[in-house]
Amino acid sequence: MTDLNVEAIRAEVRAMNFTRGTPAEVAQWREDLAESRANLAIEDMTPTPNEDAFFDMLLEEGVSPSLMSQILLRLYDHPNADRSLPITPMRIGPAE
């Protein structure tokens, strides 16, 4: 993944209208994410500190795993992304 501007994305997430997870749900999502990170490490695909900060921020904001996936798709301007999400796609590639 490209380095993400976590605080800029946080501002966009905070402006979104979505149902935030309860503290109990967020705690469960944290456990699930920790397990996923451990599996990635086993596969020698350890997330970068920036990626960890991005996912930690999303959990702090109460974002569900399914919405996390949609936010990532939108950030990368993936064809399957929900274009209605108010997330600014990242510019990838050389500067013009």
PDB file of N, CA and C in Angstrom:
ATOM      1  N   MET A   1       0.837  -1.180   0.000  1.00  0.00           N
ATOM      2  CA  MET A   1       0.000   0.000   0.000  1.00  0.00           C
ATOM      3  C   MET A   1       0.882   1.243   0.000  1.00  0.00           C
ATOM      4  N   THR A   2       0.401   2.271  -0.585  1.00  0.00           N
ATOM      5  CA  THR A   2       1.064   3.557  -0.577  1.00  0.00           C
ATOM      6  C   THR A   2       0.863   4.204   0.787  1.00  0.00           C
ATOM      7  N   ASP A   3       1.796   5.087   1.200  1.00  0.00           N
ATOM      8  CA  ASP A   3       1.602   5.780   2.463  1.00  0.00           C
ATOM      9  C   ASP A   3       0.287   6.562   2.430  1.00  0.00           C
ATOM     10  N   LEU A   4      -0.485   6.363   3.472  1.00  0.00           N
ATOM     11  CA  LEU A   4      -1.795   6.994   3.579  1.00  0.00           C
ATOM     12  C   LEU A   4      -1.709   8.205   4.496  1.00  0.00           C
ATOM     13  N   ASN A   5      -2.392   9.278   4.149  1.00  0.00           N
ATOM     14  CA  ASN A   5      -2.480  10.450   5.000  1.00  0.00           C
ATOM     15  C   ASN A   5      -3.600  10.173   6.004  1.00  0.00           C
ATOM     16  N   VAL A   6      -3.227   9.553   7.106  1.00  0.00           N
ATOM     17  CA  VAL A   6      -4.206   9.059   8.074  1.00  0.00           C
ATOM     18  C   VAL A   6      -5.099  10.181   8.606  1.00  0.00           C
ATOM     19  N   GLU A   7      -4.539  11.319   8.916  1.00  0.00           N
ATOM     20  CA  GLU A   7      -5.354  12.400   9.490  1.00  0.00           C
ATOM     21  C   GLU A   7      -6.303  13.010   8.463  1.00  0.00           C
ATOM     22  N   ALA A   8      -5.898  13.089   7.212  1.00  0.00           N
ATOM     23  CA  ALA A   8      -6.810  13.597   6.175  1.00  0.00           C
ATOM     24  C   ALA A   8      -7.964  12.622   5.973  1.00  0.00           C
ATOM     25  N   ILE A   9      -7.644  11.334   5.991  1.00  0.00           N
ATOM     26  CA  ILE A   9      -8.691  10.321   5.838  1.00  0.00           C
ATOM     27  C   ILE A   9      -9.606  10.340   7.062  1.00  0.00           C
ATOM     28  N   ARG A  10      -9.025  10.534   8.258  1.00  0.00           N
ATOM     29  CA  ARG A  10      -9.835  10.622   9.472  1.00  0.00           C
ATOM     30  C   ARG A  10     -10.880  11.738   9.342  1.00  0.00           C
ATOM     31  N   ALA A  11     -10.463  12.887   8.833  1.00  0.00           N
ATOM     32  CA  ALA A  11     -11.394  14.012   8.674  1.00  0.00           C
ATOM     33  C   ALA A  11     -12.537  13.632   7.735  1.00  0.00           C
ATOM     34  N   GLU A  12     -12.236  12.907   6.669  1.00  0.00           N
ATOM     35  CA  GLU A  12     -13.285  12.494   5.746  1.00  0.00           C
ATOM     36  C   GLU A  12     -14.206  11.455   6.388  1.00  0.00           C
ATOM     37  N   VAL A  13     -13.615  10.531   7.147  1.00  0.00           N
ATOM     38  CA  VAL A  13     -14.420   9.516   7.840  1.00  0.00           C
ATOM     39  C   VAL A  13     -15.341  10.184   8.855  1.00  0.00           C
ATOM     40  N   ARG A  14     -14.821  11.145   9.599  1.00  0.00           N
ATOM     41  CA  ARG A  14     -15.647  11.829  10.604  1.00  0.00           C
ATOM     42  C   ARG A  14     -16.816  12.572   9.976  1.00  0.00           C
ATOM     43  N   ALA A  15     -16.651  13.004   8.736  1.00  0.00           N
ATOM     44  CA  ALA A  15     -17.724  13.731   8.046  1.00  0.00           C
ATOM     45  C   ALA A  15     -18.764  12.786   7.455  1.00  0.00           C
ATOM     46  N   MET A  16     -18.459  11.490   7.446  1.00  0.00           N
ATOM     47  CA  MET A  16     -19.389  10.517   6.871  1.00  0.00           C
ATOM     48  C   MET A  16     -20.555  10.240   7.807  1.00  0.00           C
ATOM     49  N   ASN A  17     -21.677   9.916   7.210  1.00  0.00           N
ATOM     50  CA  ASN A  17     -22.866   9.545   7.975  1.00  0.00           C
ATOM     51  C   ASN A  17     -22.981   8.021   7.937  1.00  0.00           C
ATOM     52  N   PHE A  18     -22.592   7.367   9.031  1.00  0.00           N
ATOM     53  CA  PHE A  18     -22.687   5.914   9.125  1.00  0.00           C
ATOM     54  C   PHE A  18     -22.879   5.536  10.584  1.00  0.00           C
ATOM     55  N   THR A  19     -23.363   4.345  10.817  1.00  0.00           N
ATOM     56  CA  THR A  19     -23.566   3.866  12.174  1.00  0.00           C
ATOM     57  C   THR A  19     -22.230   3.359  12.716  1.00  0.00           C
ATOM     58  N   ARG A  20     -21.747   4.025  13.743  1.00  0.00           N
ATOM     59  CA  ARG A  20     -20.476   3.628  14.338  1.00  0.00           C
ATOM     60  C   ARG A  20     -20.677   2.413  15.238  1.00  0.00           C
ATOM     61  N   GLY A  21     -19.627   1.609  15.331  1.00  0.00           N
ATOM     62  CA  GLY A  21     -19.688   0.424  16.168  1.00  0.00           C
ATOM     63  C   GLY A  21     -19.760   0.777  17.636  1.00  0.00           C
ATOM     64  N   THR A  22     -20.369  -0.100  18.402  1.00  0.00           N
ATOM     65  CA  THR A  22     -20.413   0.062  19.855  1.00  0.00           C
ATOM     66  C   THR A  22     -19.028  -0.277  20.408  1.00  0.00           C
ATOM     67  N   PRO A  23     -18.737   0.120  21.637  1.00  0.00           N
ATOM     68  CA  PRO A  23     -17.442  -0.255  22.218  1.00  0.00           C
ATOM     69  C   PRO A  23     -17.197  -1.773  22.186  1.00  0.00           C
ATOM     70  N   ALA A  24     -18.230  -2.564  22.429  1.00  0.00           N
ATOM     71  CA  ALA A  24     -18.068  -4.023  22.394  1.00  0.00           C
ATOM     72  C   ALA A  24     -17.760  -4.511  20.974  1.00  0.00           C
ATOM     73  N   GLU A  25     -18.444  -3.939  19.986  1.00  0.00           N
ATOM     74  CA  GLU A  25     -18.171  -4.326  18.599  1.00  0.00           C
ATOM     75  C   GLU A  25     -16.752  -3.945  18.198  1.00  0.00           C
ATOM     76  N   VAL A  26     -16.347  -2.732  18.541  1.00  0.00           N
ATOM     77  CA  VAL A  26     -14.997  -2.276  18.191  1.00  0.00           C
ATOM     78  C   VAL A  26     -13.949  -3.164  18.857  1.00  0.00           C
ATOM     79  N   ALA A  27     -14.187  -3.567  20.093  1.00  0.00           N
ATOM     80  CA  ALA A  27     -13.253  -4.473  20.783  1.00  0.00           C
ATOM     81  C   ALA A  27     -13.139  -5.790  20.026  1.00  0.00           C
ATOM     82  N   GLN A  28     -14.258  -6.318  19.560  1.00  0.00           N
ATOM     83  CA  GLN A  28     -14.226  -7.568  18.784  1.00  0.00           C
ATOM     84  C   GLN A  28     -13.500  -7.362  17.460  1.00  0.00           C
ATOM     85  N   TRP A  29     -13.763  -6.236  16.796  1.00  0.00           N
ATOM     86  CA  TRP A  29     -13.089  -5.954  15.527  1.00  0.00           C
ATOM     87  C   TRP A  29     -11.589  -5.823  15.736  1.00  0.00           C
ATOM     88  N   ARG A  30     -11.178  -5.230  16.874  1.00  0.00           N
ATOM     89  CA  ARG A  30      -9.739  -5.129  17.179  1.00  0.00           C
ATOM     90  C   ARG A  30      -9.110  -6.507  17.306  1.00  0.00           C
ATOM     91  N   GLU A  31      -9.803  -7.403  18.000  1.00  0.00           N
ATOM     92  CA  GLU A  31      -9.299  -8.778  18.146  1.00  0.00           C
ATOM     93  C   GLU A  31      -9.198  -9.450  16.780  1.00  0.00           C
ATOM     94  N   ASP A  32     -10.212  -9.292  15.969  1.00  0.00           N
ATOM     95  CA  ASP A  32     -10.210  -9.890  14.630  1.00  0.00           C
ATOM     96  C   ASP A  32      -9.071  -9.328  13.782  1.00  0.00           C
ATOM     97  N   LEU A  33      -8.868  -8.017  13.871  1.00  0.00           N
ATOM     98  CA  LEU A  33      -7.802  -7.383  13.103  1.00  0.00           C
ATOM     99  C   LEU A  33      -6.432  -7.857  13.585  1.00  0.00           C
ATOM    100  N   ALA A  34      -6.275  -8.016  14.889  1.00  0.00           N
ATOM    101  CA  ALA A  34      -5.003  -8.516  15.425  1.00  0.00           C
ATOM    102  C   ALA A  34      -4.716  -9.919  14.894  1.00  0.00           C
ATOM    103  N   GLU A  35      -5.744 -10.742  14.818  1.00  0.00           N
ATOM    104  CA  GLU A  35      -5.584 -12.094  14.275  1.00  0.00           C
ATOM    105  C   GLU A  35      -5.198 -12.037  12.793  1.00  0.00           C
ATOM    106  N   SER A  36      -5.834 -11.147  12.054  1.00  0.00           N
ATOM    107  CA  SER A  36      -5.501 -10.989  10.632  1.00  0.00           C
ATOM    108  C   SER A  36      -4.066 -10.526  10.454  1.00  0.00           C
ATOM    109  N   ARG A  37      -3.639  -9.578  11.303  1.00  0.00           N
ATOM    110  CA  ARG A  37      -2.257  -9.094  11.229  1.00  0.00           C
ATOM    111  C   ARG A  37      -1.275 -10.219  11.523  1.00  0.00           C
ATOM    112  N   ALA A  38      -1.602 -11.065  12.489  1.00  0.00           N
ATOM    113  CA  ALA A  38      -0.725 -12.197  12.811  1.00  0.00           C
ATOM    114  C   ALA A  38      -0.622 -13.138  11.617  1.00  0.00           C
ATOM    115  N   ASN A  39      -1.743 -13.386  10.955  1.00  0.00           N
ATOM    116  CA  ASN A  39      -1.720 -14.244   9.767  1.00  0.00           C
ATOM    117  C   ASN A  39      -0.900 -13.622   8.653  1.00  0.00           C
ATOM    118  N   LEU A  40      -0.986 -12.317   8.491  1.00  0.00           N
ATOM    119  CA  LEU A  40      -0.174 -11.644   7.476  1.00  0.00           C
ATOM    120  C   LEU A  40       1.307 -11.773   7.793  1.00  0.00           C
ATOM    121  N   ALA A  41       1.652 -11.667   9.061  1.00  0.00           N
ATOM    122  CA  ALA A  41       3.058 -11.801   9.461  1.00  0.00           C
ATOM    123  C   ALA A  41       3.575 -13.199   9.144  1.00  0.00           C
ATOM    124  N   ILE A  42       2.740 -14.201   9.360  1.00  0.00           N
ATOM    125  CA  ILE A  42       3.131 -15.581   9.044  1.00  0.00           C
ATOM    126  C   ILE A  42       3.409 -15.708   7.549  1.00  0.00           C
ATOM    127  N   GLU A  43       2.652 -15.000   6.743  1.00  0.00           N
ATOM    128  CA  GLU A  43       2.820 -15.036   5.287  1.00  0.00           C
ATOM    129  C   GLU A  43       3.889 -14.056   4.810  1.00  0.00           C
ATOM    130  N   ASP A  44       4.648 -13.473   5.744  1.00  0.00           N
ATOM    131  CA  ASP A  44       5.694 -12.492   5.437  1.00  0.00           C
ATOM    132  C   ASP A  44       5.123 -11.264   4.712  1.00  0.00           C
ATOM    133  N   MET A  45       3.946 -10.849   5.149  1.00  0.00           N
ATOM    134  CA  MET A  45       3.291  -9.668   4.589  1.00  0.00           C
ATOM    135  C   MET A  45       2.931  -8.708   5.729  1.00  0.00           C
ATOM    136  N   THR A  46       3.873  -8.471   6.611  1.00  0.00           N
ATOM    137  CA  THR A  46       3.638  -7.635   7.782  1.00  0.00           C
ATOM    138  C   THR A  46       3.244  -6.217   7.360  1.00  0.00           C
ATOM    139  N   PRO A  47       2.128  -5.716   7.897  1.00  0.00           N
ATOM    140  CA  PRO A  47       1.720  -4.347   7.567  1.00  0.00           C
ATOM    141  C   PRO A  47       2.774  -3.328   8.029  1.00  0.00           C
ATOM    142  N   THR A  48       2.851  -2.233   7.290  1.00  0.00           N
ATOM    143  CA  THR A  48       3.763  -1.157   7.657  1.00  0.00           C
ATOM    144  C   THR A  48       3.185  -0.393   8.848  1.00  0.00           C
ATOM    145  N   PRO A  49       4.008   0.393   9.524  1.00  0.00           N
ATOM    146  CA  PRO A  49       3.463   1.230  10.605  1.00  0.00           C
ATOM    147  C   PRO A  49       2.356   2.169  10.114  1.00  0.00           C
ATOM    148  N   ASN A  50       2.475   2.674   8.885  1.00  0.00           N
ATOM    149  CA  ASN A  50       1.450   3.549   8.335  1.00  0.00           C
ATOM    150  C   ASN A  50       0.142   2.787   8.122  1.00  0.00           C
ATOM    151  N   GLU A  51       0.226   1.564   7.626  1.00  0.00           N
ATOM    152  CA  GLU A  51      -0.978   0.749   7.443  1.00  0.00           C
ATOM    153  C   GLU A  51      -1.620   0.431   8.790  1.00  0.00           C
ATOM    154  N   ASP A  52      -0.793   0.105   9.783  1.00  0.00           N
ATOM    155  CA  ASP A  52      -1.314  -0.143  11.128  1.00  0.00           C
ATOM    156  C   ASP A  52      -2.028   1.097  11.667  1.00  0.00           C
ATOM    157  N   ALA A  53      -1.418   2.274  11.466  1.00  0.00           N
ATOM    158  CA  ALA A  53      -2.025   3.518  11.940  1.00  0.00           C
ATOM    159  C   ALA A  53      -3.357   3.778  11.238  1.00  0.00           C
ATOM    160  N   PHE A  54      -3.430   3.463   9.957  1.00  0.00           N
ATOM    161  CA  PHE A  54      -4.672   3.641   9.192  1.00  0.00           C
ATOM    162  C   PHE A  54      -5.786   2.783   9.776  1.00  0.00           C
ATOM    163  N   PHE A  55      -5.528   1.499   9.975  1.00  0.00           N
ATOM    164  CA  PHE A  55      -6.562   0.615  10.499  1.00  0.00           C
ATOM    165  C   PHE A  55      -6.900   0.937  11.954  1.00  0.00           C
ATOM    166  N   ASP A  56      -5.897   1.331  12.740  1.00  0.00           N
ATOM    167  CA  ASP A  56      -6.173   1.749  14.115  1.00  0.00           C
ATOM    168  C   ASP A  56      -7.092   2.971  14.132  1.00  0.00           C
ATOM    169  N   MET A  57      -6.824   3.915  13.234  1.00  0.00           N
ATOM    170  CA  MET A  57      -7.661   5.113  13.156  1.00  0.00           C
ATOM    171  C   MET A  57      -9.097   4.743  12.810  1.00  0.00           C
ATOM    172  N   LEU A  58      -9.271   3.841  11.839  1.00  0.00           N
ATOM    173  CA  LEU A  58     -10.627   3.441  11.456  1.00  0.00           C
ATOM    174  C   LEU A  58     -11.354   2.806  12.636  1.00  0.00           C
ATOM    175  N   LEU A  59     -10.654   2.003  13.419  1.00  0.00           N
ATOM    176  CA  LEU A  59     -11.282   1.412  14.604  1.00  0.00           C
ATOM    177  C   LEU A  59     -11.609   2.481  15.642  1.00  0.00           C
ATOM    178  N   GLU A  60     -10.704   3.442  15.820  1.00  0.00           N
ATOM    179  CA  GLU A  60     -10.977   4.537  16.757  1.00  0.00           C
ATOM    180  C   GLU A  60     -12.246   5.292  16.362  1.00  0.00           C
ATOM    181  N   GLU A  61     -12.502   5.360  15.058  1.00  0.00           N
ATOM    182  CA  GLU A  61     -13.677   6.069  14.557  1.00  0.00           C
ATOM    183  C   GLU A  61     -14.914   5.167  14.508  1.00  0.00           C
ATOM    184  N   GLY A  62     -14.780   3.905  14.923  1.00  0.00           N
ATOM    185  CA  GLY A  62     -15.917   3.003  14.975  1.00  0.00           C
ATOM    186  C   GLY A  62     -16.364   2.471  13.629  1.00  0.00           C
ATOM    187  N   VAL A  63     -15.436   2.390  12.680  1.00  0.00           N
ATOM    188  CA  VAL A  63     -15.752   1.917  11.335  1.00  0.00           C
ATOM    189  C   VAL A  63     -15.790   0.390  11.328  1.00  0.00           C
ATOM    190  N   SER A  64     -16.856  -0.163  10.773  1.00  0.00           N
ATOM    191  CA  SER A  64     -16.999  -1.618  10.693  1.00  0.00           C
ATOM    192  C   SER A  64     -16.040  -2.201   9.654  1.00  0.00           C
ATOM    193  N   PRO A  65     -15.713  -3.474   9.781  1.00  0.00           N
ATOM    194  CA  PRO A  65     -14.829  -4.105   8.796  1.00  0.00           C
ATOM    195  C   PRO A  65     -15.346  -3.990   7.358  1.00  0.00           C
ATOM    196  N   SER A  66     -16.648  -4.132   7.154  1.00  0.00           N
ATOM    197  CA  SER A  66     -17.169  -4.034   5.780  1.00  0.00           C
ATOM    198  C   SER A  66     -16.999  -2.619   5.223  1.00  0.00           C
ATOM    199  N   LEU A  67     -17.193  -1.598   6.062  1.00  0.00           N
ATOM    200  CA  LEU A  67     -16.987  -0.228   5.606  1.00  0.00           C
ATOM    201  C   LEU A  67     -15.501   0.052   5.415  1.00  0.00           C
ATOM    202  N   MET A  68     -14.643  -0.546   6.257  1.00  0.00           N
ATOM    203  CA  MET A  68     -13.190  -0.407   6.056  1.00  0.00           C
ATOM    204  C   MET A  68     -12.813  -0.842   4.646  1.00  0.00           C
ATOM    205  N   SER A  69     -13.345  -1.980   4.246  1.00  0.00           N
ATOM    206  CA  SER A  69     -13.048  -2.506   2.903  1.00  0.00           C
ATOM    207  C   SER A  69     -13.504  -1.527   1.835  1.00  0.00           C
ATOM    208  N   GLN A  70     -14.695  -0.972   2.012  1.00  0.00           N
ATOM    209  CA  GLN A  70     -15.205  -0.020   1.028  1.00  0.00           C
ATOM    210  C   GLN A  70     -14.362   1.259   0.986  1.00  0.00           C
ATOM    211  N   ILE A  71     -13.899   1.706   2.144  1.00  0.00           N
ATOM    212  CA  ILE A  71     -13.047   2.901   2.189  1.00  0.00           C
ATOM    213  C   ILE A  71     -11.749   2.628   1.446  1.00  0.00           C
ATOM    214  N   LEU A  72     -11.151   1.467   1.671  1.00  0.00           N
ATOM    215  CA  LEU A  72      -9.918   1.113   0.952  1.00  0.00           C
ATOM    216  C   LEU A  72     -10.142   1.076  -0.558  1.00  0.00           C
ATOM    217  N   LEU A  73     -11.233   0.451  -0.978  1.00  0.00           N
ATOM    218  CA  LEU A  73     -11.529   0.405  -2.406  1.00  0.00           C
ATOM    219  C   LEU A  73     -11.657   1.813  -2.982  1.00  0.00           C
ATOM    220  N   ARG A  74     -12.310   2.703  -2.228  1.00  0.00           N
ATOM    221  CA  ARG A  74     -12.486   4.085  -2.694  1.00  0.00           C
ATOM    222  C   ARG A  74     -11.154   4.826  -2.722  1.00  0.00           C
ATOM    223  N   LEU A  75     -10.312   4.603  -1.711  1.00  0.00           N
ATOM    224  CA  LEU A  75      -9.002   5.260  -1.692  1.00  0.00           C
ATOM    225  C   LEU A  75      -8.180   4.895  -2.917  1.00  0.00           C
ATOM    226  N   TYR A  76      -8.282   3.641  -3.327  1.00  0.00           N
ATOM    227  CA  TYR A  76      -7.530   3.170  -4.489  1.00  0.00           C
ATOM    228  C   TYR A  76      -8.319   3.309  -5.791  1.00  0.00           C
ATOM    229  N   ASP A  77      -9.492   3.938  -5.717  1.00  0.00           N
ATOM    230  CA  ASP A  77     -10.331   4.190  -6.887  1.00  0.00           C
ATOM    231  C   ASP A  77     -10.578   2.901  -7.673  1.00  0.00           C
ATOM    232  N   HIS A  78     -10.812   1.834  -6.928  1.00  0.00           N
ATOM    233  CA  HIS A  78     -11.071   0.517  -7.513  1.00  0.00           C
ATOM    234  C   HIS A  78     -12.411   0.539  -8.252  1.00  0.00           C
ATOM    235  N   PRO A  79     -12.526  -0.198  -9.358  1.00  0.00           N
ATOM    236  CA  PRO A  79     -13.799  -0.214 -10.097  1.00  0.00           C
ATOM    237  C   PRO A  79     -14.997  -0.668  -9.259  1.00  0.00           C
ATOM    238  N   ASN A  80     -14.775  -1.479  -8.237  1.00  0.00           N
ATOM    239  CA  ASN A  80     -15.874  -1.948  -7.388  1.00  0.00           C
ATOM    240  C   ASN A  80     -16.159  -1.024  -6.208  1.00  0.00           C
ATOM    241  N   ALA A  81     -15.474   0.096  -6.150  1.00  0.00           N
ATOM    242  CA  ALA A  81     -15.658   1.027  -5.030  1.00  0.00           C
ATOM    243  C   ALA A  81     -17.020   1.696  -5.091  1.00  0.00           C
ATOM    244  N   ASP A  82     -17.551   1.997  -3.931  1.00  0.00           N
ATOM    245  CA  ASP A  82     -18.791   2.756  -3.815  1.00  0.00           C
ATOM    246  C   ASP A  82     -18.445   4.225  -4.044  1.00  0.00           C
ATOM    247  N   ARG A  83     -18.787   4.725  -5.208  1.00  0.00           N
ATOM    248  CA  ARG A  83     -18.429   6.092  -5.590  1.00  0.00           C
ATOM    249  C   ARG A  83     -19.177   7.147  -4.769  1.00  0.00           C
ATOM    250  N   SER A  84     -20.197   6.726  -4.027  1.00  0.00           N
ATOM    251  CA  SER A  84     -20.936   7.688  -3.211  1.00  0.00           C
ATOM    252  C   SER A  84     -20.215   7.986  -1.895  1.00  0.00           C
ATOM    253  N   LEU A  85     -19.212   7.173  -1.546  1.00  0.00           N
ATOM    254  CA  LEU A  85     -18.471   7.447  -0.305  1.00  0.00           C
ATOM    255  C   LEU A  85     -17.698   8.750  -0.452  1.00  0.00           C
ATOM    256  N   PRO A  86     -17.782   9.626   0.543  1.00  0.00           N
ATOM    257  CA  PRO A  86     -17.076  10.907   0.458  1.00  0.00           C
ATOM    258  C   PRO A  86     -15.605  10.772   0.848  1.00  0.00           C
ATOM    259  N   ILE A  87     -14.926   9.841   0.201  1.00  0.00           N
ATOM    260  CA  ILE A  87     -13.502   9.596   0.436  1.00  0.00           C
ATOM    261  C   ILE A  87     -12.759   9.975  -0.836  1.00  0.00           C
ATOM    262  N   THR A  88     -11.736  10.789  -0.710  1.00  0.00           N
ATOM    263  CA  THR A  88     -10.965  11.228  -1.866  1.00  0.00           C
ATOM    264  C   THR A  88      -9.988  10.144  -2.275  1.00  0.00           C
ATOM    265  N   PRO A  89     -10.099   9.656  -3.516  1.00  0.00           N
ATOM    266  CA  PRO A  89      -9.126   8.648  -3.968  1.00  0.00           C
ATOM    267  C   PRO A  89      -7.707   9.211  -3.948  1.00  0.00           C
ATOM    268  N   MET A  90      -6.767   8.321  -3.650  1.00  0.00           N
ATOM    269  CA  MET A  90      -5.369   8.726  -3.627  1.00  0.00           C
ATOM    270  C   MET A  90      -4.850   8.854  -5.048  1.00  0.00           C
ATOM    271  N   ARG A  91      -3.899   9.730  -5.191  1.00  0.00           N
ATOM    272  CA  ARG A  91      -3.189   9.847  -6.464  1.00  0.00           C
ATOM    273  C   ARG A  91      -2.005   8.892  -6.388  1.00  0.00           C
ATOM    274  N   ILE A  92      -1.974   7.954  -7.311  1.00  0.00           N
ATOM    275  CA  ILE A  92      -0.893   6.981  -7.335  1.00  0.00           C
ATOM    276  C   ILE A  92      -0.128   7.154  -8.635  1.00  0.00           C
ATOM    277  N   GLY A  93       1.174   7.163  -8.527  1.00  0.00           N
ATOM    278  CA  GLY A  93       2.005   7.295  -9.708  1.00  0.00           C
ATOM    279  C   GLY A  93       2.860   8.540  -9.611  1.00  0.00           C
ATOM    280  N   PRO A  94       3.648   8.769 -10.641  1.00  0.00           N
ATOM    281  CA  PRO A  94       4.551   9.927 -10.619  1.00  0.00           C
ATOM    282  C   PRO A  94       3.790  11.241 -10.712  1.00  0.00           C
ATOM    283  N   ALA A  95       4.351  12.255 -10.081  1.00  0.00           N
ATOM    284  CA  ALA A  95       3.749  13.600 -10.149  1.00  0.00           C
ATOM    285  C   ALA A  95       3.904  14.127 -11.556  1.00  0.00           C
ATOM    286  N   GLU A  96       2.916  14.871 -11.976  1.00  0.00           N
ATOM    287  CA  GLU A  96       2.968  15.458 -13.323  1.00  0.00           C
ATOM    288  C   GLU A  96       3.538  16.840 -13.300  1.00  0.00           C
TER     289      GLU A  96
END
